[in-house]
Amino acid sequence: MRLKAQIKGIKLTDQILEMIVQRYTRNVRELEGLFNRVIAFMEFNNKNIDENQIKTLLGETKII
């Protein structure tokens, strides 16, 4: 995930990356979907994302 963010020129903190990975579901495709959701939010709003926004964006509960 960190490498993909770097390739796209997006800076994500370790905490944000950890929050995305914690919501890892059944397969890599779903994980990439969560990651892409965060990237799209950042690009659309032209700003970085903080922990509160990531919780709202991805939801509070862990996806299994």
N, C-alpha and C. Protein backbone atom coordinates (compact mmCIF):
# COMPACT_ATOMS: atom_id res chain seq x y z
N MET A 1 0.83 -1.18 0.00
CA MET A 1 0.00 0.00 0.00
C MET A 1 0.88 1.25 0.00
N ARG A 2 1.93 1.22 0.80
CA ARG A 2 2.82 2.38 0.87
C ARG A 2 3.43 2.68 -0.50
N LEU A 3 3.86 1.64 -1.20
CA LEU A 3 4.46 1.81 -2.51
C LEU A 3 3.44 2.37 -3.51
N LYS A 4 2.23 1.87 -3.46
CA LYS A 4 1.18 2.37 -4.37
C LYS A 4 0.91 3.85 -4.12
N ALA A 5 0.90 4.24 -2.86
CA ALA A 5 0.68 5.64 -2.52
C ALA A 5 1.84 6.49 -3.04
N GLN A 6 3.06 6.02 -2.88
CA GLN A 6 4.22 6.76 -3.37
C GLN A 6 4.19 6.90 -4.89
N ILE A 7 3.81 5.85 -5.58
CA ILE A 7 3.72 5.90 -7.04
C ILE A 7 2.71 6.95 -7.49
N LYS A 8 1.60 7.06 -6.75
CA LYS A 8 0.57 8.04 -7.09
C LYS A 8 0.89 9.44 -6.56
N GLY A 9 2.01 9.56 -5.82
CA GLY A 9 2.40 10.85 -5.27
C GLY A 9 1.56 11.27 -4.08
N ILE A 10 0.98 10.29 -3.39
CA ILE A 10 0.12 10.54 -2.24
C ILE A 10 0.90 10.22 -0.97
N LYS A 11 0.84 11.11 0.00
CA LYS A 11 1.49 10.86 1.28
C LYS A 11 0.45 10.41 2.30
N LEU A 12 0.61 9.18 2.76
CA LEU A 12 -0.27 8.63 3.78
C LEU A 12 0.59 8.27 4.99
N THR A 13 0.13 8.64 6.17
CA THR A 13 0.86 8.31 7.38
C THR A 13 0.77 6.82 7.65
N ASP A 14 1.68 6.34 8.48
CA ASP A 14 1.63 4.93 8.87
C ASP A 14 0.32 4.61 9.56
N GLN A 15 -0.21 5.55 10.34
CA GLN A 15 -1.48 5.33 11.03
C GLN A 15 -2.62 5.15 10.04
N ILE A 16 -2.65 5.95 8.99
CA ILE A 16 -3.70 5.84 7.98
C ILE A 16 -3.58 4.50 7.25
N LEU A 17 -2.36 4.14 6.88
CA LEU A 17 -2.16 2.86 6.20
C LEU A 17 -2.59 1.70 7.10
N GLU A 18 -2.27 1.79 8.38
CA GLU A 18 -2.66 0.75 9.33
C GLU A 18 -4.18 0.65 9.43
N MET A 19 -4.86 1.78 9.44
CA MET A 19 -6.32 1.78 9.52
C MET A 19 -6.93 1.10 8.29
N ILE A 20 -6.33 1.32 7.13
CA ILE A 20 -6.82 0.68 5.90
C ILE A 20 -6.60 -0.83 5.99
N VAL A 21 -5.40 -1.23 6.39
CA VAL A 21 -5.05 -2.65 6.45
C VAL A 21 -5.88 -3.37 7.51
N GLN A 22 -6.19 -2.70 8.62
CA GLN A 22 -7.00 -3.33 9.66
C GLN A 22 -8.38 -3.69 9.15
N ARG A 23 -8.82 -2.99 8.14
CA ARG A 23 -10.14 -3.27 7.58
C ARG A 23 -10.06 -4.26 6.42
N TYR A 24 -8.89 -4.88 6.28
CA TYR A 24 -8.68 -5.89 5.25
C TYR A 24 -9.77 -6.94 5.34
N THR A 25 -10.31 -7.26 4.21
CA THR A 25 -11.42 -8.20 4.18
C THR A 25 -10.94 -9.56 3.71
N ARG A 26 -11.59 -10.13 2.77
CA ARG A 26 -11.29 -11.49 2.35
C ARG A 26 -10.24 -11.60 1.25
N ASN A 27 -10.01 -10.54 0.54
CA ASN A 27 -9.04 -10.66 -0.55
C ASN A 27 -8.38 -9.32 -0.87
N VAL A 28 -7.36 -9.39 -1.66
CA VAL A 28 -6.58 -8.21 -2.02
C VAL A 28 -7.41 -7.21 -2.80
N ARG A 29 -8.32 -7.68 -3.60
CA ARG A 29 -9.17 -6.80 -4.39
C ARG A 29 -9.98 -5.86 -3.50
N GLU A 30 -10.52 -6.39 -2.42
CA GLU A 30 -11.28 -5.57 -1.49
C GLU A 30 -10.38 -4.58 -0.75
N LEU A 31 -9.17 -5.01 -0.41
CA LEU A 31 -8.20 -4.12 0.23
C LEU A 31 -7.85 -2.97 -0.71
N GLU A 32 -7.62 -3.27 -1.96
CA GLU A 32 -7.32 -2.23 -2.95
C GLU A 32 -8.51 -1.30 -3.13
N GLY A 33 -9.72 -1.82 -3.03
CA GLY A 33 -10.90 -0.98 -3.12
C GLY A 33 -10.95 0.04 -2.00
N LEU A 34 -10.63 -0.39 -0.77
CA LEU A 34 -10.58 0.53 0.36
C LEU A 34 -9.50 1.60 0.14
N PHE A 35 -8.35 1.15 -0.32
CA PHE A 35 -7.24 2.06 -0.59
C PHE A 35 -7.64 3.07 -1.67
N ASN A 36 -8.26 2.60 -2.74
CA ASN A 36 -8.67 3.49 -3.82
C ASN A 36 -9.73 4.49 -3.37
N ARG A 37 -10.58 4.09 -2.44
CA ARG A 37 -11.59 4.99 -1.89
C ARG A 37 -10.91 6.16 -1.17
N VAL A 38 -9.87 5.85 -0.41
CA VAL A 38 -9.12 6.89 0.31
C VAL A 38 -8.42 7.81 -0.68
N ILE A 39 -7.78 7.25 -1.68
CA ILE A 39 -7.07 8.05 -2.69
C ILE A 39 -8.05 8.95 -3.44
N ALA A 40 -9.18 8.43 -3.82
CA ALA A 40 -10.18 9.23 -4.53
C ALA A 40 -10.66 10.39 -3.67
N PHE A 41 -10.90 10.14 -2.39
CA PHE A 41 -11.32 11.21 -1.48
C PHE A 41 -10.27 12.31 -1.44
N MET A 42 -9.01 11.91 -1.30
CA MET A 42 -7.93 12.88 -1.21
C MET A 42 -7.79 13.69 -2.50
N GLU A 43 -7.87 13.02 -3.64
CA GLU A 43 -7.73 13.71 -4.91
C GLU A 43 -8.92 14.63 -5.18
N PHE A 44 -10.12 14.19 -4.86
CA PHE A 44 -11.31 14.99 -5.10
C PHE A 44 -11.32 16.25 -4.23
N ASN A 45 -10.91 16.09 -2.97
CA ASN A 45 -10.91 17.21 -2.04
C ASN A 45 -9.60 17.99 -2.04
N ASN A 46 -8.63 17.50 -2.80
CA ASN A 46 -7.33 18.15 -2.93
C ASN A 46 -6.70 18.43 -1.56
N LYS A 47 -6.73 17.44 -0.68
CA LYS A 47 -6.12 17.60 0.64
C LYS A 47 -5.78 16.24 1.23
N ASN A 48 -4.97 16.28 2.27
CA ASN A 48 -4.63 15.06 2.99
C ASN A 48 -5.81 14.64 3.85
N ILE A 49 -5.77 13.42 4.29
CA ILE A 49 -6.86 12.87 5.09
C ILE A 49 -6.34 12.63 6.50
N ASP A 50 -7.17 12.89 7.49
CA ASP A 50 -6.76 12.63 8.87
C ASP A 50 -7.51 11.41 9.41
N GLU A 51 -7.19 11.04 10.66
CA GLU A 51 -7.76 9.83 11.23
C GLU A 51 -9.28 9.89 11.35
N ASN A 52 -9.83 11.03 11.72
CA ASN A 52 -11.28 11.15 11.84
C ASN A 52 -11.97 10.97 10.49
N GLN A 53 -11.39 11.55 9.46
CA GLN A 53 -11.97 11.41 8.12
C GLN A 53 -11.88 9.98 7.63
N ILE A 54 -10.78 9.31 7.92
CA ILE A 54 -10.63 7.92 7.47
C ILE A 54 -11.64 7.03 8.17
N LYS A 55 -11.90 7.30 9.46
CA LYS A 55 -12.91 6.51 10.18
C LYS A 55 -14.28 6.70 9.55
N THR A 56 -14.60 7.93 9.19
CA THR A 56 -15.87 8.20 8.55
C THR A 56 -15.94 7.56 7.18
N LEU A 57 -14.87 7.70 6.42
CA LEU A 57 -14.84 7.18 5.05
C LEU A 57 -14.92 5.66 5.01
N LEU A 58 -14.18 5.00 5.87
CA LEU A 58 -14.13 3.54 5.84
C LEU A 58 -15.10 2.89 6.81
N GLY A 59 -15.66 3.67 7.70
CA GLY A 59 -16.56 3.11 8.70
C GLY A 59 -15.80 2.70 9.94
N GLU A 60 -16.47 2.71 11.04
CA GLU A 60 -15.84 2.41 12.33
C GLU A 60 -15.59 0.92 12.52
N THR A 61 -16.41 0.08 11.91
CA THR A 61 -16.30 -1.35 12.18
C THR A 61 -15.31 -2.02 11.26
N LYS A 62 -14.71 -3.06 11.74
CA LYS A 62 -13.77 -3.84 10.94
C LYS A 62 -14.54 -4.75 10.02
N ILE A 63 -14.15 -4.77 8.77
CA ILE A 63 -14.78 -5.64 7.78
C ILE A 63 -14.07 -6.99 7.80
N ILE A 64 -14.81 -8.06 7.88
CA ILE A 64 -14.18 -9.38 7.95
C ILE A 64 -14.40 -10.15 6.67
